[in-house]
Amino acid sequence: MLEEKNSPIILIIVVVLIIWGLYKIVSPKWTLMICDEVMENGLECYSFASIHENDFGTKEMCLEIGTSLTKNNAYPVFECGRKCKHDGIFMVCDEICDKLGRCH
């Protein structure tokens, strides 16, 4: 009888873990970084005006939004990064693309 009472709780826990796992797999992985200060090459951020962390599902979507947000030239440079995390004041990403779409 005790096992019958625990079965729904175990089922709920399993369902929650499955949903959480699926979210982690399909959640956005691209971060848009709008530059406040630009490095000497004119393409990379030295400091950020804003960071939209993990807001985009694809590189193309991140680049498109970055281009549209920087059209007024208030902040003419942006970067899009994949799987980024904060490392002090900088963002460290597995892959970073500049405003021209060149990635490294």
PDB file of N, CA and C in Angstrom:
ATOM      1  N   MET A   1       0.817  -1.180   0.000  1.00  0.00           N
ATOM      2  CA  MET A   1       0.000   0.000   0.000  1.00  0.00           C
ATOM      3  C   MET A   1       0.873   1.260   0.000  1.00  0.00           C
ATOM      4  N   LEU A   2       1.995   1.217   0.671  1.00  0.00           N
ATOM      5  CA  LEU A   2       2.889   2.362   0.702  1.00  0.00           C
ATOM      6  C   LEU A   2       3.451   2.650  -0.689  1.00  0.00           C
ATOM      7  N   GLU A   3       3.730   1.594  -1.462  1.00  0.00           N
ATOM      8  CA  GLU A   3       4.243   1.774  -2.818  1.00  0.00           C
ATOM      9  C   GLU A   3       3.233   2.453  -3.718  1.00  0.00           C
ATOM     10  N   GLU A   4       1.958   2.197  -3.543  1.00  0.00           N
ATOM     11  CA  GLU A   4       0.915   2.821  -4.354  1.00  0.00           C
ATOM     12  C   GLU A   4       0.865   4.323  -4.112  1.00  0.00           C
ATOM     13  N   LYS A   5       1.135   4.782  -2.912  1.00  0.00           N
ATOM     14  CA  LYS A   5       1.111   6.215  -2.597  1.00  0.00           C
ATOM     15  C   LYS A   5       2.323   6.926  -3.195  1.00  0.00           C
ATOM     16  N   ASN A   6       3.457   6.249  -3.281  1.00  0.00           N
ATOM     17  CA  ASN A   6       4.681   6.858  -3.805  1.00  0.00           C
ATOM     18  C   ASN A   6       4.737   6.871  -5.326  1.00  0.00           C
ATOM     19  N   SER A   7       3.994   6.001  -5.989  1.00  0.00           N
ATOM     20  CA  SER A   7       4.038   5.905  -7.450  1.00  0.00           C
ATOM     21  C   SER A   7       3.713   7.225  -8.153  1.00  0.00           C
ATOM     22  N   PRO A   8       2.642   7.951  -7.783  1.00  0.00           N
ATOM     23  CA  PRO A   8       2.371   9.226  -8.460  1.00  0.00           C
ATOM     24  C   PRO A   8       3.485  10.257  -8.243  1.00  0.00           C
ATOM     25  N   ILE A   9       4.085  10.262  -7.081  1.00  0.00           N
ATOM     26  CA  ILE A   9       5.172  11.207  -6.796  1.00  0.00           C
ATOM     27  C   ILE A   9       6.378  10.894  -7.673  1.00  0.00           C
ATOM     28  N   ILE A  10       6.724   9.633  -7.794  1.00  0.00           N
ATOM     29  CA  ILE A  10       7.850   9.233  -8.630  1.00  0.00           C
ATOM     30  C   ILE A  10       7.559   9.574 -10.094  1.00  0.00           C
ATOM     31  N   LEU A  11       6.339   9.326 -10.539  1.00  0.00           N
ATOM     32  CA  LEU A  11       5.952   9.642 -11.910  1.00  0.00           C
ATOM     33  C   LEU A  11       6.062  11.139 -12.174  1.00  0.00           C
ATOM     34  N   ILE A  12       5.629  11.955 -11.245  1.00  0.00           N
ATOM     35  CA  ILE A  12       5.717  13.411 -11.388  1.00  0.00           C
ATOM     36  C   ILE A  12       7.176  13.850 -11.469  1.00  0.00           C
ATOM     37  N   ILE A  13       8.025  13.291 -10.637  1.00  0.00           N
ATOM     38  CA  ILE A  13       9.448  13.634 -10.648  1.00  0.00           C
ATOM     39  C   ILE A  13      10.073  13.257 -11.988  1.00  0.00           C
ATOM     40  N   VAL A  14       9.747  12.089 -12.510  1.00  0.00           N
ATOM     41  CA  VAL A  14      10.286  11.641 -13.794  1.00  0.00           C
ATOM     42  C   VAL A  14       9.829  12.573 -14.918  1.00  0.00           C
ATOM     43  N   VAL A  15       8.547  12.951 -14.927  1.00  0.00           N
ATOM     44  CA  VAL A  15       8.019  13.850 -15.958  1.00  0.00           C
ATOM     45  C   VAL A  15       8.711  15.209 -15.889  1.00  0.00           C
ATOM     46  N   VAL A  16       8.891  15.745 -14.692  1.00  0.00           N
ATOM     47  CA  VAL A  16       9.566  17.037 -14.528  1.00  0.00           C
ATOM     48  C   VAL A  16      11.004  16.955 -15.038  1.00  0.00           C
ATOM     49  N   LEU A  17      11.707  15.884 -14.734  1.00  0.00           N
ATOM     50  CA  LEU A  17      13.082  15.728 -15.207  1.00  0.00           C
ATOM     51  C   LEU A  17      13.147  15.615 -16.730  1.00  0.00           C
ATOM     52  N   ILE A  18      12.203  14.937 -17.339  1.00  0.00           N
ATOM     53  CA  ILE A  18      12.164  14.824 -18.794  1.00  0.00           C
ATOM     54  C   ILE A  18      11.912  16.190 -19.426  1.00  0.00           C
ATOM     55  N   ILE A  19      10.956  16.932 -18.894  1.00  0.00           N
ATOM     56  CA  ILE A  19      10.651  18.271 -19.418  1.00  0.00           C
ATOM     57  C   ILE A  19      11.862  19.182 -19.273  1.00  0.00           C
ATOM     58  N   TRP A  20      12.518  19.168 -18.125  1.00  0.00           N
ATOM     59  CA  TRP A  20      13.707  19.985 -17.890  1.00  0.00           C
ATOM     60  C   TRP A  20      14.817  19.608 -18.877  1.00  0.00           C
ATOM     61  N   GLY A  21      15.026  18.314 -19.115  1.00  0.00           N
ATOM     62  CA  GLY A  21      16.047  17.864 -20.050  1.00  0.00           C
ATOM     63  C   GLY A  21      15.760  18.321 -21.476  1.00  0.00           C
ATOM     64  N   LEU A  22      14.508  18.223 -21.892  1.00  0.00           N
ATOM     65  CA  LEU A  22      14.130  18.696 -23.226  1.00  0.00           C
ATOM     66  C   LEU A  22      14.331  20.194 -23.361  1.00  0.00           C
ATOM     67  N   TYR A  23      14.001  20.948 -22.317  1.00  0.00           N
ATOM     68  CA  TYR A  23      14.215  22.398 -22.351  1.00  0.00           C
ATOM     69  C   TYR A  23      15.698  22.714 -22.529  1.00  0.00           C
ATOM     70  N   LYS A  24      16.564  22.011 -21.814  1.00  0.00           N
ATOM     71  CA  LYS A  24      18.003  22.262 -21.917  1.00  0.00           C
ATOM     72  C   LYS A  24      18.526  21.945 -23.313  1.00  0.00           C
ATOM     73  N   ILE A  25      17.929  20.964 -23.974  1.00  0.00           N
ATOM     74  CA  ILE A  25      18.371  20.579 -25.311  1.00  0.00           C
ATOM     75  C   ILE A  25      17.948  21.625 -26.343  1.00  0.00           C
ATOM     76  N   VAL A  26      16.724  22.127 -26.251  1.00  0.00           N
ATOM     77  CA  VAL A  26      16.208  23.040 -27.280  1.00  0.00           C
ATOM     78  C   VAL A  26      16.264  24.507 -26.871  1.00  0.00           C
ATOM     79  N   SER A  27      16.756  24.822 -25.693  1.00  0.00           N
ATOM     80  CA  SER A  27      16.790  26.216 -25.253  1.00  0.00           C
ATOM     81  C   SER A  27      17.783  27.021 -26.095  1.00  0.00           C
ATOM     82  N   PRO A  28      17.546  28.327 -26.217  1.00  0.00           N
ATOM     83  CA  PRO A  28      18.442  29.170 -27.015  1.00  0.00           C
ATOM     84  C   PRO A  28      19.880  29.094 -26.526  1.00  0.00           C
ATOM     85  N   LYS A  29      20.791  29.123 -27.458  1.00  0.00           N
ATOM     86  CA  LYS A  29      22.206  28.998 -27.123  1.00  0.00           C
ATOM     87  C   LYS A  29      23.055  30.174 -27.600  1.00  0.00           C
ATOM     88  N   TRP A  30      22.455  31.171 -28.261  1.00  0.00           N
ATOM     89  CA  TRP A  30      23.227  32.293 -28.797  1.00  0.00           C
ATOM     90  C   TRP A  30      22.988  33.556 -27.992  1.00  0.00           C
ATOM     91  N   THR A  31      24.066  34.269 -27.689  1.00  0.00           N
ATOM     92  CA  THR A  31      24.036  35.494 -26.900  1.00  0.00           C
ATOM     93  C   THR A  31      24.415  36.677 -27.789  1.00  0.00           C
ATOM     94  N   LEU A  32      23.628  37.749 -27.721  1.00  0.00           N
ATOM     95  CA  LEU A  32      23.915  38.988 -28.444  1.00  0.00           C
ATOM     96  C   LEU A  32      24.590  39.962 -27.491  1.00  0.00           C
ATOM     97  N   MET A  33      25.752  40.473 -27.888  1.00  0.00           N
ATOM     98  CA  MET A  33      26.497  41.426 -27.082  1.00  0.00           C
ATOM     99  C   MET A  33      26.639  42.726 -27.868  1.00  0.00           C
ATOM    100  N   ILE A  34      25.998  43.780 -27.393  1.00  0.00           N
ATOM    101  CA  ILE A  34      26.081  45.096 -28.020  1.00  0.00           C
ATOM    102  C   ILE A  34      27.268  45.821 -27.393  1.00  0.00           C
ATOM    103  N   CYS A  35      28.196  46.280 -28.228  1.00  0.00           N
ATOM    104  CA  CYS A  35      29.441  46.880 -27.728  1.00  0.00           C
ATOM    105  C   CYS A  35      29.243  48.338 -27.304  1.00  0.00           C
ATOM    106  N   ASP A  36      29.826  48.654 -26.169  1.00  0.00           N
ATOM    107  CA  ASP A  36      29.914  50.032 -25.703  1.00  0.00           C
ATOM    108  C   ASP A  36      31.241  50.622 -26.168  1.00  0.00           C
ATOM    109  N   GLU A  37      32.311  49.872 -25.967  1.00  0.00           N
ATOM    110  CA  GLU A  37      33.639  50.249 -26.451  1.00  0.00           C
ATOM    111  C   GLU A  37      34.120  49.160 -27.397  1.00  0.00           C
ATOM    112  N   VAL A  38      34.793  49.585 -28.461  1.00  0.00           N
ATOM    113  CA  VAL A  38      35.227  48.663 -29.508  1.00  0.00           C
ATOM    114  C   VAL A  38      36.750  48.556 -29.508  1.00  0.00           C
ATOM    115  N   MET A  39      37.250  47.347 -29.777  1.00  0.00           N
ATOM    116  CA  MET A  39      38.692  47.146 -29.878  1.00  0.00           C
ATOM    117  C   MET A  39      39.225  47.797 -31.146  1.00  0.00           C
ATOM    118  N   GLU A  40      40.547  47.889 -31.255  1.00  0.00           N
ATOM    119  CA  GLU A  40      41.193  48.588 -32.366  1.00  0.00           C
ATOM    120  C   GLU A  40      40.821  48.041 -33.742  1.00  0.00           C
ATOM    121  N   ASN A  41      40.459  46.758 -33.820  1.00  0.00           N
ATOM    122  CA  ASN A  41      40.114  46.183 -35.123  1.00  0.00           C
ATOM    123  C   ASN A  41      38.733  46.635 -35.612  1.00  0.00           C
ATOM    124  N   GLY A  42      37.971  47.310 -34.755  1.00  0.00           N
ATOM    125  CA  GLY A  42      36.667  47.835 -35.134  1.00  0.00           C
ATOM    126  C   GLY A  42      35.556  46.812 -35.209  1.00  0.00           C
ATOM    127  N   LEU A  43      35.838  45.574 -34.817  1.00  0.00           N
ATOM    128  CA  LEU A  43      34.844  44.504 -34.929  1.00  0.00           C
ATOM    129  C   LEU A  43      34.543  43.781 -33.620  1.00  0.00           C
ATOM    130  N   GLU A  44      35.403  43.921 -32.633  1.00  0.00           N
ATOM    131  CA  GLU A  44      35.236  43.178 -31.391  1.00  0.00           C
ATOM    132  C   GLU A  44      34.946  44.114 -30.222  1.00  0.00           C
ATOM    133  N   CYS A  45      34.191  43.596 -29.259  1.00  0.00           N
ATOM    134  CA  CYS A  45      33.810  44.377 -28.084  1.00  0.00           C
ATOM    135  C   CYS A  45      34.936  44.413 -27.060  1.00  0.00           C
ATOM    136  N   TYR A  46      35.146  45.587 -26.507  1.00  0.00           N
ATOM    137  CA  TYR A  46      36.030  45.740 -25.356  1.00  0.00           C
ATOM    138  C   TYR A  46      35.181  45.794 -24.091  1.00  0.00           C
ATOM    139  N   SER A  47      34.042  46.479 -24.172  1.00  0.00           N
ATOM    140  CA  SER A  47      33.063  46.479 -23.086  1.00  0.00           C
ATOM    141  C   SER A  47      31.669  46.473 -23.709  1.00  0.00           C
ATOM    142  N   PHE A  48      30.679  46.121 -22.898  1.00  0.00           N
ATOM    143  CA  PHE A  48      29.334  45.916 -23.422  1.00  0.00           C
ATOM    144  C   PHE A  48      28.342  46.963 -22.924  1.00  0.00           C
ATOM    145  N   ALA A  49      27.498  47.441 -23.844  1.00  0.00           N
ATOM    146  CA  ALA A  49      26.374  48.303 -23.469  1.00  0.00           C
ATOM    147  C   ALA A  49      25.228  47.440 -22.977  1.00  0.00           C
ATOM    148  N   SER A  50      25.027  46.281 -23.624  1.00  0.00           N
ATOM    149  CA  SER A  50      24.006  45.336 -23.174  1.00  0.00           C
ATOM    150  C   SER A  50      24.351  43.933 -23.651  1.00  0.00           C
ATOM    151  N   ILE A  51      23.864  42.967 -22.899  1.00  0.00           N
ATOM    152  CA  ILE A  51      24.072  41.559 -23.213  1.00  0.00           C
ATOM    153  C   ILE A  51      22.718  40.874 -23.163  1.00  0.00           C
ATOM    154  N   HIS A  52      22.370  40.190 -24.234  1.00  0.00           N
ATOM    155  CA  HIS A  52      21.119  39.432 -24.309  1.00  0.00           C
ATOM    156  C   HIS A  52      21.505  37.952 -24.269  1.00  0.00           C
ATOM    157  N   GLU A  53      21.708  37.459 -23.060  1.00  0.00           N
ATOM    158  CA  GLU A  53      22.298  36.138 -22.858  1.00  0.00           C
ATOM    159  C   GLU A  53      21.327  35.012 -23.186  1.00  0.00           C
ATOM    160  N   ASN A  54      21.782  34.121 -24.071  1.00  0.00           N
ATOM    161  CA  ASN A  54      21.031  32.927 -24.469  1.00  0.00           C
ATOM    162  C   ASN A  54      19.612  33.236 -24.939  1.00  0.00           C
ATOM    163  N   ASP A  55      19.437  34.345 -25.644  1.00  0.00           N
ATOM    164  CA  ASP A  55      18.112  34.750 -26.116  1.00  0.00           C
ATOM    165  C   ASP A  55      17.779  34.230 -27.514  1.00  0.00           C
ATOM    166  N   PHE A  56      18.745  33.640 -28.224  1.00  0.00           N
ATOM    167  CA  PHE A  56      18.525  33.309 -29.628  1.00  0.00           C
ATOM    168  C   PHE A  56      18.824  31.848 -29.906  1.00  0.00           C
ATOM    169  N   GLY A  57      17.964  31.235 -30.689  1.00  0.00           N
ATOM    170  CA  GLY A  57      18.108  29.824 -31.019  1.00  0.00           C
ATOM    171  C   GLY A  57      19.094  29.548 -32.142  1.00  0.00           C
ATOM    172  N   THR A  58      19.330  30.553 -33.007  1.00  0.00           N
ATOM    173  CA  THR A  58      20.243  30.353 -34.127  1.00  0.00           C
ATOM    174  C   THR A  58      21.191  31.541 -34.267  1.00  0.00           C
ATOM    175  N   LYS A  59      22.321  31.278 -34.906  1.00  0.00           N
ATOM    176  CA  LYS A  59      23.296  32.333 -35.183  1.00  0.00           C
ATOM    177  C   LYS A  59      22.680  33.389 -36.089  1.00  0.00           C
ATOM    178  N   GLU A  60      21.944  32.947 -37.104  1.00  0.00           N
ATOM    179  CA  GLU A  60      21.347  33.870 -38.060  1.00  0.00           C
ATOM    180  C   GLU A  60      20.370  34.833 -37.376  1.00  0.00           C
ATOM    181  N   MET A  61      19.583  34.318 -36.448  1.00  0.00           N
ATOM    182  CA  MET A  61      18.633  35.176 -35.726  1.00  0.00           C
ATOM    183  C   MET A  61      19.375  36.201 -34.883  1.00  0.00           C
ATOM    184  N   CYS A  62      20.432  35.786 -34.218  1.00  0.00           N
ATOM    185  CA  CYS A  62      21.236  36.696 -33.397  1.00  0.00           C
ATOM    186  C   CYS A  62      21.856  37.788 -34.266  1.00  0.00           C
ATOM    187  N   LEU A  63      22.442  37.406 -35.411  1.00  0.00           N
ATOM    188  CA  LEU A  63      23.060  38.387 -36.303  1.00  0.00           C
ATOM    189  C   LEU A  63      22.030  39.363 -36.870  1.00  0.00           C
ATOM    190  N   GLU A  64      20.859  38.858 -37.203  1.00  0.00           N
ATOM    191  CA  GLU A  64      19.806  39.721 -37.748  1.00  0.00           C
ATOM    192  C   GLU A  64      19.340  40.751 -36.715  1.00  0.00           C
ATOM    193  N   ILE A  65      19.104  40.314 -35.490  1.00  0.00           N
ATOM    194  CA  ILE A  65      18.668  41.233 -34.436  1.00  0.00           C
ATOM    195  C   ILE A  65      19.788  42.211 -34.105  1.00  0.00           C
ATOM    196  N   GLY A  66      21.026  41.736 -34.038  1.00  0.00           N
ATOM    197  CA  GLY A  66      22.160  42.627 -33.783  1.00  0.00           C
ATOM    198  C   GLY A  66      22.285  43.705 -34.838  1.00  0.00           C
ATOM    199  N   THR A  67      22.116  43.325 -36.094  1.00  0.00           N
ATOM    200  CA  THR A  67      22.174  44.295 -37.193  1.00  0.00           C
ATOM    201  C   THR A  67      21.062  45.322 -37.065  1.00  0.00           C
ATOM    202  N   SER A  68      19.860  44.876 -36.765  1.00  0.00           N
ATOM    203  CA  SER A  68      18.742  45.824 -36.661  1.00  0.00           C
ATOM    204  C   SER A  68      18.887  46.746 -35.451  1.00  0.00           C
ATOM    205  N   LEU A  69      19.445  46.238 -34.352  1.00  0.00           N
ATOM    206  CA  LEU A  69      19.610  47.070 -33.155  1.00  0.00           C
ATOM    207  C   LEU A  69      20.732  48.091 -33.296  1.00  0.00           C
ATOM    208  N   THR A  70      21.670  47.841 -34.183  1.00  0.00           N
ATOM    209  CA  THR A  70      22.810  48.747 -34.320  1.00  0.00           C
ATOM    210  C   THR A  70      22.725  49.620 -35.569  1.00  0.00           C
ATOM    211  N   LYS A  71      21.615  49.591 -36.272  1.00  0.00           N
ATOM    212  CA  LYS A  71      21.473  50.405 -37.490  1.00  0.00           C
ATOM    213  C   LYS A  71      21.573  51.901 -37.229  1.00  0.00           C
ATOM    214  N   ASN A  72      21.123  52.362 -36.073  1.00  0.00           N
ATOM    215  CA  ASN A  72      21.131  53.806 -35.796  1.00  0.00           C
ATOM    216  C   ASN A  72      22.524  54.319 -35.425  1.00  0.00           C
ATOM    217  N   ASN A  73      23.525  53.429 -35.384  1.00  0.00           N
ATOM    218  CA  ASN A  73      24.926  53.759 -35.116  1.00  0.00           C
ATOM    219  C   ASN A  73      25.195  54.283 -33.707  1.00  0.00           C
ATOM    220  N   ALA A  74      24.224  54.207 -32.802  1.00  0.00           N
ATOM    221  CA  ALA A  74      24.517  54.544 -31.409  1.00  0.00           C
ATOM    222  C   ALA A  74      25.548  53.554 -30.863  1.00  0.00           C
ATOM    223  N   TYR A  75      25.373  52.302 -31.217  1.00  0.00           N
ATOM    224  CA  TYR A  75      26.324  51.240 -30.898  1.00  0.00           C
ATOM    225  C   TYR A  75      26.553  50.465 -32.190  1.00  0.00           C
ATOM    226  N   PRO A  76      27.547  50.846 -32.983  1.00  0.00           N
ATOM    227  CA  PRO A  76      27.698  50.283 -34.329  1.00  0.00           C
ATOM    228  C   PRO A  76      28.253  48.862 -34.389  1.00  0.00           C
ATOM    229  N   VAL A  77      28.689  48.318 -33.272  1.00  0.00           N
ATOM    230  CA  VAL A  77      29.318  46.998 -33.296  1.00  0.00           C
ATOM    231  C   VAL A  77      28.607  46.069 -32.319  1.00  0.00           C
ATOM    232  N   PHE A  78      28.491  44.813 -32.716  1.00  0.00           N
ATOM    233  CA  PHE A  78      27.943  43.782 -31.850  1.00  0.00           C
ATOM    234  C   PHE A  78      28.654  42.468 -32.142  1.00  0.00           C
ATOM    235  N   GLU A  79      28.479  41.530 -31.242  1.00  0.00           N
ATOM    236  CA  GLU A  79      28.984  40.180 -31.435  1.00  0.00           C
ATOM    237  C   GLU A  79      27.893  39.199 -31.043  1.00  0.00           C
ATOM    238  N   CYS A  80      27.889  38.045 -31.683  1.00  0.00           N
ATOM    239  CA  CYS A  80      27.002  36.948 -31.314  1.00  0.00           C
ATOM    240  C   CYS A  80      27.878  35.782 -30.873  1.00  0.00           C
ATOM    241  N   GLY A  81      27.575  35.234 -29.722  1.00  0.00           N
ATOM    242  CA  GLY A  81      28.362  34.127 -29.207  1.00  0.00           C
ATOM    243  C   GLY A  81      27.499  32.921 -28.897  1.00  0.00           C
ATOM    244  N   ARG A  82      28.077  31.735 -29.123  1.00  0.00           N
ATOM    245  CA  ARG A  82      27.379  30.476 -28.837  1.00  0.00           C
ATOM    246  C   ARG A  82      27.915  29.883 -27.545  1.00  0.00           C
ATOM    247  N   LYS A  83      26.994  29.459 -26.691  1.00  0.00           N
ATOM    248  CA  LYS A  83      27.315  28.851 -25.395  1.00  0.00           C
ATOM    249  C   LYS A  83      28.272  29.749 -24.605  1.00  0.00           C
ATOM    250  N   CYS A  84      27.811  30.938 -24.273  1.00  0.00           N
ATOM    251  CA  CYS A  84      28.627  31.922 -23.557  1.00  0.00           C
ATOM    252  C   CYS A  84      28.409  31.837 -22.056  1.00  0.00           C
ATOM    253  N   LYS A  85      29.440  32.249 -21.334  1.00  0.00           N
ATOM    254  CA  LYS A  85      29.331  32.374 -19.878  1.00  0.00           C
ATOM    255  C   LYS A  85      30.202  33.543 -19.437  1.00  0.00           C
ATOM    256  N   HIS A  86      29.851  34.117 -18.290  1.00  0.00           N
ATOM    257  CA  HIS A  86      30.625  35.238 -17.756  1.00  0.00           C
ATOM    258  C   HIS A  86      31.933  34.733 -17.163  1.00  0.00           C
ATOM    259  N   ASP A  87      33.005  35.440 -17.467  1.00  0.00           N
ATOM    260  CA  ASP A  87      34.311  35.152 -16.880  1.00  0.00           C
ATOM    261  C   ASP A  87      34.874  36.485 -16.416  1.00  0.00           C
ATOM    262  N   GLY A  88      34.456  36.928 -15.241  1.00  0.00           N
ATOM    263  CA  GLY A  88      34.830  38.260 -14.769  1.00  0.00           C
ATOM    264  C   GLY A  88      34.013  39.291 -15.512  1.00  0.00           C
ATOM    265  N   ILE A  89      34.675  40.197 -16.229  1.00  0.00           N
ATOM    266  CA  ILE A  89      33.943  41.224 -16.976  1.00  0.00           C
ATOM    267  C   ILE A  89      33.710  40.831 -18.431  1.00  0.00           C
ATOM    268  N   PHE A  90      34.374  39.770 -18.896  1.00  0.00           N
ATOM    269  CA  PHE A  90      34.239  39.347 -20.289  1.00  0.00           C
ATOM    270  C   PHE A  90      33.276  38.176 -20.402  1.00  0.00           C
ATOM    271  N   MET A  91      32.779  37.981 -21.620  1.00  0.00           N
ATOM    272  CA  MET A  91      31.983  36.804 -21.947  1.00  0.00           C
ATOM    273  C   MET A  91      32.908  35.837 -22.685  1.00  0.00           C
ATOM    274  N   VAL A  92      32.926  34.592 -22.249  1.00  0.00           N
ATOM    275  CA  VAL A  92      33.708  33.553 -22.905  1.00  0.00           C
ATOM    276  C   VAL A  92      32.718  32.641 -23.613  1.00  0.00           C
ATOM    277  N   CYS A  93      32.922  32.471 -24.923  1.00  0.00           N
ATOM    278  CA  CYS A  93      31.977  31.714 -25.732  1.00  0.00           C
ATOM    279  C   CYS A  93      32.704  30.609 -26.500  1.00  0.00           C
ATOM    280  N   ASP A  94      31.993  29.524 -26.808  1.00  0.00           N
ATOM    281  CA  ASP A  94      32.563  28.463 -27.639  1.00  0.00           C
ATOM    282  C   ASP A  94      32.836  28.967 -29.051  1.00  0.00           C
ATOM    283  N   GLU A  95      31.986  29.889 -29.529  1.00  0.00           N
ATOM    284  CA  GLU A  95      32.133  30.458 -30.860  1.00  0.00           C
ATOM    285  C   GLU A  95      31.630  31.898 -30.810  1.00  0.00           C
ATOM    286  N   ILE A  96      32.360  32.817 -31.455  1.00  0.00           N
ATOM    287  CA  ILE A  96      31.941  34.222 -31.500  1.00  0.00           C
ATOM    288  C   ILE A  96      31.945  34.682 -32.956  1.00  0.00           C
ATOM    289  N   CYS A  97      30.872  35.375 -33.339  1.00  0.00           N
ATOM    290  CA  CYS A  97      30.748  35.922 -34.691  1.00  0.00           C
ATOM    291  C   CYS A  97      30.688  37.441 -34.602  1.00  0.00           C
ATOM    292  N   ASP A  98      31.415  38.115 -35.499  1.00  0.00           N
ATOM    293  CA  ASP A  98      31.393  39.580 -35.513  1.00  0.00           C
ATOM    294  C   ASP A  98      30.202  40.067 -36.333  1.00  0.00           C
ATOM    295  N   LYS A  99      30.071  41.379 -36.458  1.00  0.00           N
ATOM    296  CA  LYS A  99      28.919  41.970 -37.141  1.00  0.00           C
ATOM    297  C   LYS A  99      28.869  41.626 -38.630  1.00  0.00           C
ATOM    298  N   LEU A 100      30.000  41.171 -39.180  1.00  0.00           N
ATOM    299  CA  LEU A 100      30.049  40.772 -40.581  1.00  0.00           C
ATOM    300  C   LEU A 100      29.704  39.298 -40.770  1.00  0.00           C
ATOM    301  N   GLY A 101      29.472  38.604 -39.653  1.00  0.00           N
ATOM    302  CA  GLY A 101      29.128  37.182 -39.718  1.00  0.00           C
ATOM    303  C   GLY A 101      30.310  36.247 -39.726  1.00  0.00           C
ATOM    304  N   ARG A 102      31.515  36.794 -39.576  1.00  0.00           N
ATOM    305  CA  ARG A 102      32.720  35.948 -39.524  1.00  0.00           C
ATOM    306  C   ARG A 102      32.846  35.375 -38.133  1.00  0.00           C
ATOM    307  N   CYS A 103      32.991  34.073 -38.057  1.00  0.00           N
ATOM    308  CA  CYS A 103      33.026  33.377 -36.762  1.00  0.00           C
ATOM    309  C   CYS A 103      34.378  32.743 -36.511  1.00  0.00           C
ATOM    310  N   HIS A 104      34.728  32.675 -35.260  1.00  0.00           N
ATOM    311  CA  HIS A 104      35.944  31.980 -34.841  1.00  0.00           C
ATOM    312  C   HIS A 104      35.721  31.380 -33.466  1.00  0.00           C
TER     313      HIS A 104
END
